[in-house]
Amino acid sequence: MSHPGAVCYARADLPLSLPNVEDVSLSSCSEMVDTPMLPSKFLHLKYLSVSLCTVTFSPAYDYCSLISFFDAAPSLETFFLNVLQKDMKHESIVGDHSNLRQVPGHRHDNLKTVKIIGFSLAKSLVELTCHIIENATSLECLTLDTTRGHPWASRSSNSTGKCLLLHLDFLAEARKGLSAIRTYVEPKVPSRVKLNVVEPCRRCHDLEPTP
């Protein structure tokens, strides 16, 4: 499903129209409102992919509102989120880590695999990630990708021997995303969870090491 407002529509309508759905893929370039918390359930949903990929997504959208899908889908095992942006306008986490929001009363016992492409300094995205770490009791693998997320963009996946070079704006966002991972996410990851951090290739990009 791909259209503006697809995420909100899917949360509100799909549990009623497709109550037995097991695999949902959503793509939206614009969400006018946050994803609502509703009593309806996706009791059989196991795979959820959400793409909010655009040049600049609305800074008013709260990534944490996606928790509504986790709450509605007790059987969810895999969550894929693409939030790649050239210019991130959301409220930044920098200097505000002591006030990270928590959403109590939510446990996601079957969520095992999570991948986020376009990880950035967006405060609500960091909060969503920390929520997953703290409440997904079966989490096995967490991948945070600060690149475009396409295999063909890597040096090892094409005949030229070089990566598909990222625009300077994407590189700047990637460096900020890496900083957010090291500072706010890594310390919370338990030993049982495999954390994969994907960053631009240092051989093909002029990217200084992250502190």
N, C-alpha and C. Protein backbone atom coordinates (compact mmCIF):
# COMPACT_ATOMS: atom_id res chain seq x y z
N MET A 1 0.85 -1.18 0.00
CA MET A 1 0.00 0.00 0.00
C MET A 1 0.89 1.24 0.00
N SER A 2 0.69 2.10 -0.99
CA SER A 2 1.56 3.27 -1.11
C SER A 2 0.74 4.49 -1.49
N HIS A 3 0.58 5.41 -0.55
CA HIS A 3 -0.06 6.69 -0.81
C HIS A 3 0.08 7.56 0.43
N PRO A 4 -0.07 8.88 0.30
CA PRO A 4 0.01 9.75 1.48
C PRO A 4 -1.03 9.33 2.52
N GLY A 5 -0.60 9.25 3.76
CA GLY A 5 -1.50 8.85 4.83
C GLY A 5 -1.71 7.36 4.95
N ALA A 6 -0.90 6.57 4.24
CA ALA A 6 -1.09 5.11 4.22
C ALA A 6 -0.92 4.48 5.59
N VAL A 7 -0.01 5.02 6.40
CA VAL A 7 0.27 4.41 7.70
C VAL A 7 -0.93 4.56 8.64
N CYS A 8 -1.45 5.77 8.71
CA CYS A 8 -2.61 6.02 9.56
C CYS A 8 -3.82 5.22 9.07
N TYR A 9 -4.02 5.20 7.75
CA TYR A 9 -5.14 4.46 7.18
C TYR A 9 -5.04 2.97 7.51
N ALA A 10 -3.83 2.42 7.36
CA ALA A 10 -3.65 0.99 7.60
C ALA A 10 -3.94 0.63 9.05
N ARG A 11 -3.49 1.48 9.96
CA ARG A 11 -3.72 1.18 11.38
C ARG A 11 -5.20 1.24 11.73
N ALA A 12 -5.92 2.17 11.11
CA ALA A 12 -7.33 2.35 11.44
C ALA A 12 -8.24 1.34 10.74
N ASP A 13 -7.92 1.01 9.47
CA ASP A 13 -8.86 0.25 8.66
C ASP A 13 -8.50 -1.22 8.42
N LEU A 14 -7.21 -1.53 8.29
CA LEU A 14 -6.84 -2.89 7.92
C LEU A 14 -7.25 -3.96 8.94
N PRO A 15 -7.19 -3.69 10.25
CA PRO A 15 -7.62 -4.73 11.19
C PRO A 15 -9.08 -5.14 10.99
N LEU A 16 -9.87 -4.23 10.43
CA LEU A 16 -11.28 -4.52 10.20
C LEU A 16 -11.50 -5.16 8.83
N SER A 17 -10.79 -4.67 7.81
CA SER A 17 -11.00 -5.18 6.46
C SER A 17 -10.17 -6.42 6.15
N LEU A 18 -8.99 -6.55 6.80
CA LEU A 18 -8.12 -7.71 6.58
C LEU A 18 -7.65 -8.26 7.93
N PRO A 19 -8.53 -8.79 8.72
CA PRO A 19 -8.18 -9.20 10.09
C PRO A 19 -7.17 -10.34 10.16
N ASN A 20 -7.02 -11.12 9.07
CA ASN A 20 -6.11 -12.27 9.10
C ASN A 20 -4.80 -12.01 8.35
N VAL A 21 -4.54 -10.77 7.99
CA VAL A 21 -3.34 -10.46 7.22
C VAL A 21 -2.08 -10.80 8.03
N GLU A 22 -1.07 -11.35 7.35
CA GLU A 22 0.17 -11.74 8.01
C GLU A 22 1.36 -10.89 7.59
N ASP A 23 1.23 -10.20 6.46
CA ASP A 23 2.35 -9.44 5.89
C ASP A 23 1.82 -8.11 5.38
N VAL A 24 2.33 -7.00 5.91
CA VAL A 24 1.88 -5.67 5.50
C VAL A 24 3.08 -4.81 5.15
N SER A 25 3.03 -4.19 3.95
CA SER A 25 4.07 -3.25 3.52
C SER A 25 3.40 -1.92 3.20
N LEU A 26 3.89 -0.87 3.84
CA LEU A 26 3.29 0.46 3.70
C LEU A 26 4.34 1.46 3.24
N SER A 27 3.91 2.39 2.39
CA SER A 27 4.81 3.45 1.94
C SER A 27 4.04 4.76 1.90
N SER A 28 4.60 5.79 2.53
CA SER A 28 3.92 7.08 2.60
C SER A 28 4.95 8.20 2.54
N CYS A 29 4.67 9.21 1.74
CA CYS A 29 5.54 10.37 1.67
C CYS A 29 5.03 11.49 2.56
N SER A 30 3.87 11.27 3.19
CA SER A 30 3.29 12.31 4.05
C SER A 30 2.28 11.70 5.00
N GLU A 31 2.47 11.94 6.29
CA GLU A 31 1.50 11.54 7.31
C GLU A 31 1.08 12.81 8.05
N MET A 32 -0.17 13.19 7.90
CA MET A 32 -0.66 14.44 8.48
C MET A 32 -0.87 14.33 9.98
N VAL A 33 -1.11 13.12 10.46
CA VAL A 33 -1.31 12.91 11.90
C VAL A 33 -0.48 11.71 12.34
N ASP A 34 -0.23 11.61 13.64
CA ASP A 34 0.49 10.47 14.18
C ASP A 34 -0.34 9.20 14.04
N THR A 35 0.32 8.06 14.07
CA THR A 35 -0.38 6.78 14.03
C THR A 35 -1.19 6.62 15.32
N PRO A 36 -2.50 6.42 15.22
CA PRO A 36 -3.34 6.41 16.43
C PRO A 36 -3.25 5.11 17.22
N MET A 37 -3.42 5.22 18.52
CA MET A 37 -3.58 4.06 19.39
C MET A 37 -5.05 3.65 19.36
N LEU A 38 -5.32 2.43 18.92
CA LEU A 38 -6.69 1.95 18.76
C LEU A 38 -6.82 0.55 19.36
N PRO A 39 -8.04 0.15 19.73
CA PRO A 39 -8.22 -1.18 20.33
C PRO A 39 -8.18 -2.32 19.31
N SER A 40 -8.34 -2.02 18.02
CA SER A 40 -8.36 -3.07 17.01
C SER A 40 -7.00 -3.76 16.91
N LYS A 41 -7.01 -5.04 16.49
CA LYS A 41 -5.80 -5.86 16.50
C LYS A 41 -5.51 -6.50 15.14
N PHE A 42 -4.20 -6.70 14.88
CA PHE A 42 -3.72 -7.55 13.80
C PHE A 42 -3.23 -8.85 14.45
N LEU A 43 -4.11 -9.75 14.74
CA LEU A 43 -3.74 -10.91 15.54
C LEU A 43 -2.80 -11.87 14.81
N HIS A 44 -2.78 -11.81 13.47
CA HIS A 44 -1.96 -12.75 12.70
C HIS A 44 -0.77 -12.07 12.02
N LEU A 45 -0.61 -10.78 12.19
CA LEU A 45 0.45 -10.04 11.50
C LEU A 45 1.82 -10.45 12.04
N LYS A 46 2.71 -10.88 11.11
CA LYS A 46 4.05 -11.31 11.49
C LYS A 46 5.15 -10.43 10.89
N TYR A 47 4.85 -9.78 9.76
CA TYR A 47 5.85 -8.96 9.08
C TYR A 47 5.26 -7.59 8.77
N LEU A 48 5.95 -6.54 9.18
CA LEU A 48 5.50 -5.17 8.93
C LEU A 48 6.64 -4.35 8.37
N SER A 49 6.41 -3.75 7.20
CA SER A 49 7.38 -2.85 6.58
C SER A 49 6.74 -1.49 6.41
N VAL A 50 7.41 -0.46 6.91
CA VAL A 50 6.91 0.92 6.82
C VAL A 50 7.99 1.78 6.20
N SER A 51 7.68 2.42 5.08
CA SER A 51 8.62 3.32 4.42
C SER A 51 8.08 4.74 4.48
N LEU A 52 8.82 5.61 5.17
CA LEU A 52 8.48 7.03 5.26
C LEU A 52 9.62 7.82 4.62
N CYS A 53 10.04 7.34 3.46
CA CYS A 53 11.25 7.84 2.80
C CYS A 53 10.91 8.98 1.86
N THR A 54 11.52 10.14 2.09
CA THR A 54 11.32 11.30 1.23
C THR A 54 12.45 12.28 1.48
N VAL A 55 12.47 13.38 0.75
CA VAL A 55 13.55 14.35 0.93
C VAL A 55 13.53 14.90 2.35
N THR A 56 12.36 15.36 2.78
CA THR A 56 12.18 15.85 4.14
C THR A 56 10.79 15.46 4.63
N PHE A 57 10.73 14.55 5.61
CA PHE A 57 9.44 14.13 6.13
C PHE A 57 8.96 15.14 7.16
N SER A 58 7.66 15.24 7.32
CA SER A 58 7.09 16.23 8.24
C SER A 58 7.70 16.11 9.63
N PRO A 59 8.28 17.20 10.15
CA PRO A 59 8.86 17.16 11.49
C PRO A 59 7.83 16.98 12.59
N ALA A 60 6.56 17.13 12.24
CA ALA A 60 5.49 16.98 13.23
C ALA A 60 5.18 15.51 13.50
N TYR A 61 5.60 14.62 12.61
CA TYR A 61 5.26 13.20 12.79
C TYR A 61 6.12 12.59 13.89
N ASP A 62 5.45 11.87 14.78
CA ASP A 62 6.11 11.24 15.92
C ASP A 62 6.36 9.76 15.60
N TYR A 63 7.63 9.41 15.37
CA TYR A 63 7.96 8.02 15.05
C TYR A 63 7.53 7.07 16.16
N CYS A 64 7.50 7.57 17.38
CA CYS A 64 7.10 6.73 18.52
C CYS A 64 5.65 6.26 18.39
N SER A 65 4.86 6.96 17.60
CA SER A 65 3.46 6.56 17.46
C SER A 65 3.33 5.22 16.72
N LEU A 66 4.40 4.77 16.06
CA LEU A 66 4.38 3.47 15.40
C LEU A 66 4.27 2.32 16.40
N ILE A 67 4.51 2.62 17.67
CA ILE A 67 4.32 1.61 18.72
C ILE A 67 2.89 1.06 18.68
N SER A 68 1.97 1.84 18.15
CA SER A 68 0.58 1.39 18.02
C SER A 68 0.49 0.07 17.25
N PHE A 69 1.33 -0.09 16.21
CA PHE A 69 1.32 -1.34 15.44
C PHE A 69 1.82 -2.51 16.29
N PHE A 70 2.87 -2.27 17.09
CA PHE A 70 3.38 -3.34 17.94
C PHE A 70 2.32 -3.80 18.94
N ASP A 71 1.62 -2.82 19.49
CA ASP A 71 0.59 -3.12 20.48
C ASP A 71 -0.56 -3.90 19.84
N ALA A 72 -0.83 -3.60 18.56
CA ALA A 72 -1.95 -4.24 17.86
C ALA A 72 -1.60 -5.60 17.29
N ALA A 73 -0.29 -5.91 17.22
CA ALA A 73 0.14 -7.14 16.54
C ALA A 73 0.97 -8.01 17.48
N PRO A 74 0.34 -8.77 18.36
CA PRO A 74 1.07 -9.57 19.34
C PRO A 74 1.93 -10.67 18.72
N SER A 75 1.67 -11.03 17.44
CA SER A 75 2.45 -12.07 16.77
C SER A 75 3.56 -11.51 15.90
N LEU A 76 3.72 -10.19 15.88
CA LEU A 76 4.71 -9.56 15.00
C LEU A 76 6.12 -10.06 15.31
N GLU A 77 6.82 -10.51 14.26
CA GLU A 77 8.17 -11.04 14.41
C GLU A 77 9.23 -10.15 13.75
N THR A 78 8.86 -9.48 12.65
CA THR A 78 9.82 -8.69 11.89
C THR A 78 9.27 -7.30 11.61
N PHE A 79 10.08 -6.29 11.90
CA PHE A 79 9.69 -4.90 11.65
C PHE A 79 10.79 -4.22 10.86
N PHE A 80 10.41 -3.66 9.72
CA PHE A 80 11.33 -2.94 8.84
C PHE A 80 10.85 -1.51 8.71
N LEU A 81 11.73 -0.55 8.94
CA LEU A 81 11.36 0.87 8.88
C LEU A 81 12.39 1.62 8.05
N ASN A 82 11.92 2.33 7.03
CA ASN A 82 12.79 3.16 6.20
C ASN A 82 12.41 4.62 6.41
N VAL A 83 13.31 5.39 6.99
CA VAL A 83 13.05 6.81 7.23
C VAL A 83 14.16 7.66 6.62
N LEU A 84 14.74 7.18 5.52
CA LEU A 84 15.84 7.88 4.87
C LEU A 84 15.41 9.26 4.40
N GLN A 85 16.14 10.29 4.83
CA GLN A 85 15.85 11.66 4.45
C GLN A 85 17.15 12.39 4.11
N LYS A 86 17.06 13.25 3.13
CA LYS A 86 18.21 14.07 2.77
C LYS A 86 18.41 15.19 3.77
N ASP A 87 17.30 15.65 4.33
CA ASP A 87 17.36 16.78 5.26
C ASP A 87 16.40 16.53 6.42
N MET A 88 16.94 16.12 7.56
CA MET A 88 16.12 15.77 8.72
C MET A 88 15.70 17.04 9.47
N LYS A 89 14.37 17.20 9.64
CA LYS A 89 13.83 18.39 10.29
C LYS A 89 13.21 18.09 11.65
N HIS A 90 13.20 16.84 12.06
CA HIS A 90 12.61 16.49 13.35
C HIS A 90 13.43 17.07 14.51
N GLU A 91 12.79 17.16 15.67
CA GLU A 91 13.50 17.58 16.87
C GLU A 91 14.67 16.66 17.12
N SER A 92 15.84 17.23 17.38
CA SER A 92 17.05 16.44 17.57
C SER A 92 17.19 15.96 19.01
N ILE A 93 17.84 14.81 19.15
CA ILE A 93 18.09 14.25 20.47
C ILE A 93 19.27 14.91 21.17
N VAL A 94 20.09 15.62 20.44
CA VAL A 94 21.33 16.18 20.98
C VAL A 94 21.06 17.03 22.21
N GLY A 95 21.74 16.71 23.29
CA GLY A 95 21.64 17.49 24.51
C GLY A 95 20.38 17.26 25.31
N ASP A 96 19.55 16.27 24.89
CA ASP A 96 18.27 16.08 25.57
C ASP A 96 18.04 14.62 25.95
N HIS A 97 19.12 13.83 26.09
CA HIS A 97 18.95 12.40 26.31
C HIS A 97 18.40 12.07 27.68
N SER A 98 18.45 13.00 28.61
CA SER A 98 17.93 12.71 29.95
C SER A 98 16.41 12.72 29.99
N ASN A 99 15.79 13.21 28.92
CA ASN A 99 14.33 13.32 28.90
C ASN A 99 13.70 12.41 27.85
N LEU A 100 14.31 11.26 27.60
CA LEU A 100 13.73 10.32 26.65
C LEU A 100 12.39 9.81 27.16
N ARG A 101 11.40 9.85 26.29
CA ARG A 101 10.08 9.36 26.67
C ARG A 101 10.07 7.84 26.79
N GLN A 102 9.22 7.35 27.66
CA GLN A 102 8.98 5.93 27.77
C GLN A 102 7.48 5.69 27.66
N VAL A 103 7.13 4.58 27.02
CA VAL A 103 5.72 4.22 26.86
C VAL A 103 5.48 2.97 27.70
N PRO A 104 5.04 3.12 28.93
CA PRO A 104 4.89 1.97 29.84
C PRO A 104 3.71 1.09 29.46
N GLY A 105 3.75 -0.14 29.95
CA GLY A 105 2.62 -1.04 29.76
C GLY A 105 2.58 -1.75 28.43
N HIS A 106 3.70 -1.74 27.68
CA HIS A 106 3.72 -2.40 26.38
C HIS A 106 4.87 -3.40 26.33
N ARG A 107 4.54 -4.67 26.03
CA ARG A 107 5.55 -5.71 25.84
C ARG A 107 5.32 -6.35 24.48
N HIS A 108 6.40 -6.59 23.77
CA HIS A 108 6.30 -7.15 22.43
C HIS A 108 7.09 -8.46 22.43
N ASP A 109 6.42 -9.53 22.84
CA ASP A 109 7.10 -10.77 23.19
C ASP A 109 7.59 -11.59 22.00
N ASN A 110 7.10 -11.32 20.79
CA ASN A 110 7.49 -12.13 19.64
C ASN A 110 8.35 -11.39 18.62
N LEU A 111 8.59 -10.11 18.84
CA LEU A 111 9.39 -9.33 17.89
C LEU A 111 10.85 -9.75 17.98
N LYS A 112 11.38 -10.29 16.86
CA LYS A 112 12.73 -10.85 16.86
C LYS A 112 13.72 -10.05 16.01
N THR A 113 13.24 -9.48 14.92
CA THR A 113 14.15 -8.82 13.97
C THR A 113 13.64 -7.42 13.64
N VAL A 114 14.51 -6.44 13.80
CA VAL A 114 14.17 -5.04 13.52
C VAL A 114 15.28 -4.42 12.68
N LYS A 115 14.89 -3.73 11.62
CA LYS A 115 15.86 -3.00 10.80
C LYS A 115 15.33 -1.61 10.53
N ILE A 116 16.16 -0.60 10.76
CA ILE A 116 15.80 0.79 10.50
C ILE A 116 16.82 1.38 9.54
N ILE A 117 16.36 1.85 8.38
CA ILE A 117 17.21 2.49 7.39
C ILE A 117 17.02 4.00 7.50
N GLY A 118 18.14 4.71 7.43
CA GLY A 118 18.08 6.17 7.54
C GLY A 118 18.09 6.63 8.98
N PHE A 119 18.70 5.84 9.85
CA PHE A 119 18.73 6.21 11.27
C PHE A 119 19.38 7.57 11.44
N SER A 120 18.76 8.41 12.27
CA SER A 120 19.21 9.80 12.41
C SER A 120 19.15 10.25 13.86
N LEU A 121 19.39 11.54 14.05
CA LEU A 121 19.32 12.15 15.38
C LEU A 121 17.90 12.50 15.81
N ALA A 122 16.91 12.17 15.00
CA ALA A 122 15.52 12.50 15.36
C ALA A 122 15.18 11.91 16.73
N LYS A 123 14.77 12.76 17.64
CA LYS A 123 14.54 12.31 19.02
C LYS A 123 13.51 11.20 19.09
N SER A 124 12.39 11.35 18.37
CA SER A 124 11.34 10.33 18.47
C SER A 124 11.78 9.01 17.85
N LEU A 125 12.72 9.04 16.89
CA LEU A 125 13.25 7.81 16.31
C LEU A 125 14.16 7.09 17.31
N VAL A 126 14.98 7.85 18.01
CA VAL A 126 15.81 7.27 19.06
C VAL A 126 14.94 6.69 20.16
N GLU A 127 13.88 7.41 20.52
CA GLU A 127 12.96 6.92 21.55
C GLU A 127 12.27 5.63 21.12
N LEU A 128 11.87 5.56 19.85
CA LEU A 128 11.25 4.34 19.33
C LEU A 128 12.22 3.17 19.42
N THR A 129 13.47 3.41 19.03
CA THR A 129 14.48 2.36 19.05
C THR A 129 14.74 1.87 20.47
N CYS A 130 14.86 2.79 21.40
CA CYS A 130 15.08 2.42 22.80
C CYS A 130 13.89 1.66 23.35
N HIS A 131 12.68 2.06 22.93
CA HIS A 131 11.48 1.35 23.37
C HIS A 131 11.52 -0.10 22.91
N ILE A 132 11.91 -0.31 21.65
CA ILE A 132 11.99 -1.67 21.12
C ILE A 132 13.00 -2.49 21.92
N ILE A 133 14.17 -1.92 22.17
CA ILE A 133 15.21 -2.63 22.91
C ILE A 133 14.71 -3.04 24.29
N GLU A 134 14.00 -2.16 24.94
CA GLU A 134 13.59 -2.39 26.33
C GLU A 134 12.33 -3.24 26.46
N ASN A 135 11.54 -3.35 25.39
CA ASN A 135 10.25 -4.03 25.52
C ASN A 135 10.05 -5.23 24.60
N ALA A 136 10.95 -5.43 23.64
CA ALA A 136 10.87 -6.61 22.78
C ALA A 136 11.69 -7.71 23.43
N THR A 137 11.05 -8.53 24.23
CA THR A 137 11.76 -9.50 25.07
C THR A 137 12.40 -10.63 24.28
N SER A 138 11.97 -10.85 23.03
CA SER A 138 12.54 -11.91 22.19
C SER A 138 13.46 -11.36 21.11
N LEU A 139 13.78 -10.08 21.17
CA LEU A 139 14.59 -9.46 20.13
C LEU A 139 15.93 -10.17 19.99
N GLU A 140 16.25 -10.53 18.73
CA GLU A 140 17.51 -11.22 18.44
C GLU A 140 18.47 -10.36 17.63
N CYS A 141 17.93 -9.58 16.71
CA CYS A 141 18.79 -8.82 15.80
C CYS A 141 18.22 -7.42 15.57
N LEU A 142 19.05 -6.41 15.79
CA LEU A 142 18.68 -5.02 15.54
C LEU A 142 19.70 -4.42 14.58
N THR A 143 19.23 -3.99 13.41
CA THR A 143 20.09 -3.38 12.40
C THR A 143 19.73 -1.91 12.25
N LEU A 144 20.71 -1.05 12.46
CA LEU A 144 20.53 0.39 12.30
C LEU A 144 21.42 0.84 11.16
N ASP A 145 20.80 1.23 10.07
CA ASP A 145 21.51 1.54 8.83
C ASP A 145 21.47 3.04 8.58
N THR A 146 22.64 3.67 8.52
CA THR A 146 22.70 5.11 8.28
C THR A 146 22.90 5.43 6.80
N THR A 147 22.92 4.39 5.93
CA THR A 147 23.09 4.60 4.50
C THR A 147 21.75 4.50 3.80
N ARG A 148 21.79 4.35 2.48
CA ARG A 148 20.55 4.23 1.72
C ARG A 148 19.90 2.86 1.87
N GLY A 149 20.67 1.90 2.34
CA GLY A 149 20.10 0.60 2.62
C GLY A 149 19.99 -0.35 1.46
N HIS A 150 20.53 0.03 0.27
CA HIS A 150 20.44 -0.84 -0.89
C HIS A 150 21.72 -1.65 -1.07
N PRO A 151 21.63 -2.96 -1.24
CA PRO A 151 22.83 -3.78 -1.42
C PRO A 151 23.68 -3.35 -2.61
N TRP A 152 23.02 -2.88 -3.70
CA TRP A 152 23.78 -2.50 -4.89
C TRP A 152 24.60 -1.24 -4.68
N ALA A 153 24.39 -0.56 -3.54
CA ALA A 153 25.15 0.66 -3.28
C ALA A 153 26.51 0.37 -2.68
N SER A 154 26.76 -0.89 -2.30
CA SER A 154 28.01 -1.22 -1.63
C SER A 154 29.08 -1.64 -2.63
N ARG A 155 30.33 -1.46 -2.23
CA ARG A 155 31.48 -1.77 -3.07
C ARG A 155 31.52 -3.24 -3.46
N SER A 156 31.11 -4.12 -2.56
CA SER A 156 31.20 -5.55 -2.81
C SER A 156 30.10 -6.07 -3.72
N SER A 157 29.11 -5.21 -4.05
CA SER A 157 27.95 -5.68 -4.79
C SER A 157 27.88 -5.17 -6.22
N ASN A 158 28.93 -4.50 -6.69
CA ASN A 158 28.90 -4.04 -8.07
C ASN A 158 30.26 -4.24 -8.73
N SER A 159 30.30 -4.11 -10.06
CA SER A 159 31.50 -4.44 -10.83
C SER A 159 32.56 -3.35 -10.81
N THR A 160 32.24 -2.16 -10.33
CA THR A 160 33.20 -1.06 -10.36
C THR A 160 34.20 -1.12 -9.22
N GLY A 161 33.87 -1.87 -8.18
CA GLY A 161 34.75 -1.92 -7.01
C GLY A 161 34.62 -0.72 -6.10
N LYS A 162 33.61 0.12 -6.37
CA LYS A 162 33.38 1.30 -5.54
C LYS A 162 31.91 1.37 -5.14
N CYS A 163 31.66 2.02 -4.01
CA CYS A 163 30.28 2.22 -3.57
C CYS A 163 29.61 3.28 -4.43
N LEU A 164 28.28 3.24 -4.43
CA LEU A 164 27.53 4.35 -5.00
C LEU A 164 27.67 5.51 -4.02
N LEU A 165 28.34 6.57 -4.46
CA LEU A 165 28.66 7.66 -3.55
C LEU A 165 27.41 8.37 -3.07
N LEU A 166 27.39 8.69 -1.79
CA LEU A 166 26.28 9.41 -1.18
C LEU A 166 26.49 10.91 -1.32
N HIS A 167 25.39 11.63 -1.48
CA HIS A 167 25.43 13.09 -1.51
C HIS A 167 25.95 13.59 -0.17
N LEU A 168 26.60 14.75 -0.18
CA LEU A 168 27.17 15.30 1.05
C LEU A 168 26.13 15.46 2.15
N ASP A 169 24.89 15.81 1.76
CA ASP A 169 23.84 15.95 2.77
C ASP A 169 23.53 14.61 3.44
N PHE A 170 23.50 13.53 2.64
CA PHE A 170 23.28 12.20 3.20
C PHE A 170 24.43 11.79 4.11
N LEU A 171 25.66 12.13 3.70
CA LEU A 171 26.82 11.80 4.52
C LEU A 171 26.76 12.51 5.87
N ALA A 172 26.35 13.77 5.84
CA ALA A 172 26.24 14.53 7.09
C ALA A 172 25.21 13.89 8.02
N GLU A 173 24.07 13.48 7.46
CA GLU A 173 23.04 12.84 8.27
C GLU A 173 23.52 11.48 8.79
N ALA A 174 24.31 10.78 7.95
CA ALA A 174 24.83 9.48 8.36
C ALA A 174 25.75 9.62 9.57
N ARG A 175 26.60 10.61 9.55
CA ARG A 175 27.52 10.83 10.67
C ARG A 175 26.74 11.16 11.95
N LYS A 176 25.70 11.96 11.82
CA LYS A 176 24.88 12.29 12.99
C LYS A 176 24.16 11.04 13.51
N GLY A 177 23.68 10.23 12.57
CA GLY A 177 23.01 9.00 12.97
C GLY A 177 23.93 8.06 13.72
N LEU A 178 25.18 7.95 13.25
CA LEU A 178 26.16 7.11 13.94
C LEU A 178 26.42 7.62 15.35
N SER A 179 26.51 8.93 15.48
CA SER A 179 26.72 9.52 16.80
C SER A 179 25.57 9.18 17.75
N ALA A 180 24.34 9.24 17.23
CA ALA A 180 23.17 8.92 18.05
C ALA A 180 23.18 7.46 18.48
N ILE A 181 23.59 6.58 17.58
CA ILE A 181 23.65 5.15 17.91
C ILE A 181 24.65 4.91 19.02
N ARG A 182 25.86 5.46 18.87
CA ARG A 182 26.92 5.24 19.86
C ARG A 182 26.54 5.81 21.23
N THR A 183 25.88 6.95 21.22
CA THR A 183 25.60 7.66 22.47
C THR A 183 24.36 7.16 23.19
N TYR A 184 23.28 6.94 22.44
CA TYR A 184 21.99 6.70 23.08
C TYR A 184 21.46 5.27 22.96
N VAL A 185 21.91 4.54 21.94
CA VAL A 185 21.34 3.22 21.69
C VAL A 185 22.24 2.09 22.19
N GLU A 186 23.49 2.11 21.78
CA GLU A 186 24.41 1.01 22.13
C GLU A 186 24.43 0.67 23.62
N PRO A 187 24.46 1.67 24.51
CA PRO A 187 24.51 1.33 25.94
C PRO A 187 23.29 0.56 26.44
N LYS A 188 22.18 0.61 25.70
CA LYS A 188 20.95 -0.06 26.14
C LYS A 188 20.78 -1.46 25.56
N VAL A 189 21.62 -1.83 24.59
CA VAL A 189 21.44 -3.12 23.91
C VAL A 189 21.96 -4.26 24.79
N PRO A 190 21.09 -5.21 25.15
CA PRO A 190 21.54 -6.34 25.98
C PRO A 190 22.44 -7.29 25.19
N SER A 191 23.19 -8.10 25.88
CA SER A 191 24.16 -8.99 25.24
C SER A 191 23.50 -10.03 24.34
N ARG A 192 22.25 -10.38 24.62
CA ARG A 192 21.56 -11.39 23.82
C ARG A 192 21.17 -10.89 22.44
N VAL A 193 21.21 -9.57 22.21
CA VAL A 193 20.78 -8.96 20.95
C VAL A 193 21.99 -8.65 20.09
N LYS A 194 21.94 -9.09 18.84
CA LYS A 194 23.00 -8.76 17.89
C LYS A 194 22.70 -7.40 17.28
N LEU A 195 23.59 -6.44 17.50
CA LEU A 195 23.43 -5.09 16.96
C LEU A 195 24.31 -4.94 15.73
N ASN A 196 23.68 -4.64 14.59
CA ASN A 196 24.41 -4.37 13.35
C ASN A 196 24.29 -2.88 13.03
N VAL A 197 25.40 -2.20 12.95
CA VAL A 197 25.42 -0.78 12.60
C VAL A 197 26.03 -0.63 11.21
N VAL A 198 25.24 -0.12 10.27
CA VAL A 198 25.69 0.03 8.89
C VAL A 198 26.00 1.50 8.64
N GLU A 199 27.21 1.76 8.18
CA GLU A 199 27.64 3.13 7.92
C GLU A 199 28.25 3.22 6.53
N PRO A 200 28.40 4.44 5.99
CA PRO A 200 29.04 4.59 4.68
C PRO A 200 30.45 4.02 4.70
N CYS A 201 30.83 3.38 3.60
CA CYS A 201 32.16 2.79 3.46
C CYS A 201 33.23 3.87 3.58
N ARG A 202 34.15 3.68 4.51
CA ARG A 202 35.20 4.68 4.74
C ARG A 202 36.23 4.69 3.62
N ARG A 203 36.30 3.61 2.87
CA ARG A 203 37.24 3.55 1.75
C ARG A 203 36.79 4.44 0.59
N CYS A 204 35.46 4.54 0.43
CA CYS A 204 34.92 5.29 -0.71
C CYS A 204 34.36 6.65 -0.32
N HIS A 205 34.22 6.91 0.98
CA HIS A 205 33.69 8.19 1.44
C HIS A 205 34.65 8.81 2.44
N ASP A 206 34.72 10.10 2.41
CA ASP A 206 35.58 10.82 3.35
C ASP A 206 34.80 11.05 4.63
N LEU A 207 34.75 10.01 5.46
CA LEU A 207 33.98 10.06 6.70
C LEU A 207 34.91 9.83 7.87
N GLU A 208 35.03 10.81 8.75
CA GLU A 208 35.92 10.67 9.89
C GLU A 208 35.34 9.68 10.88
N PRO A 209 36.19 9.00 11.65
CA PRO A 209 35.70 8.05 12.65
C PRO A 209 34.76 8.72 13.64
N THR A 210 33.72 7.97 14.03
CA THR A 210 32.78 8.48 15.02
C THR A 210 33.36 8.30 16.41
N PRO A 211 33.30 9.32 17.27
CA PRO A 211 33.85 9.19 18.63
C PRO A 211 33.21 8.03 19.36
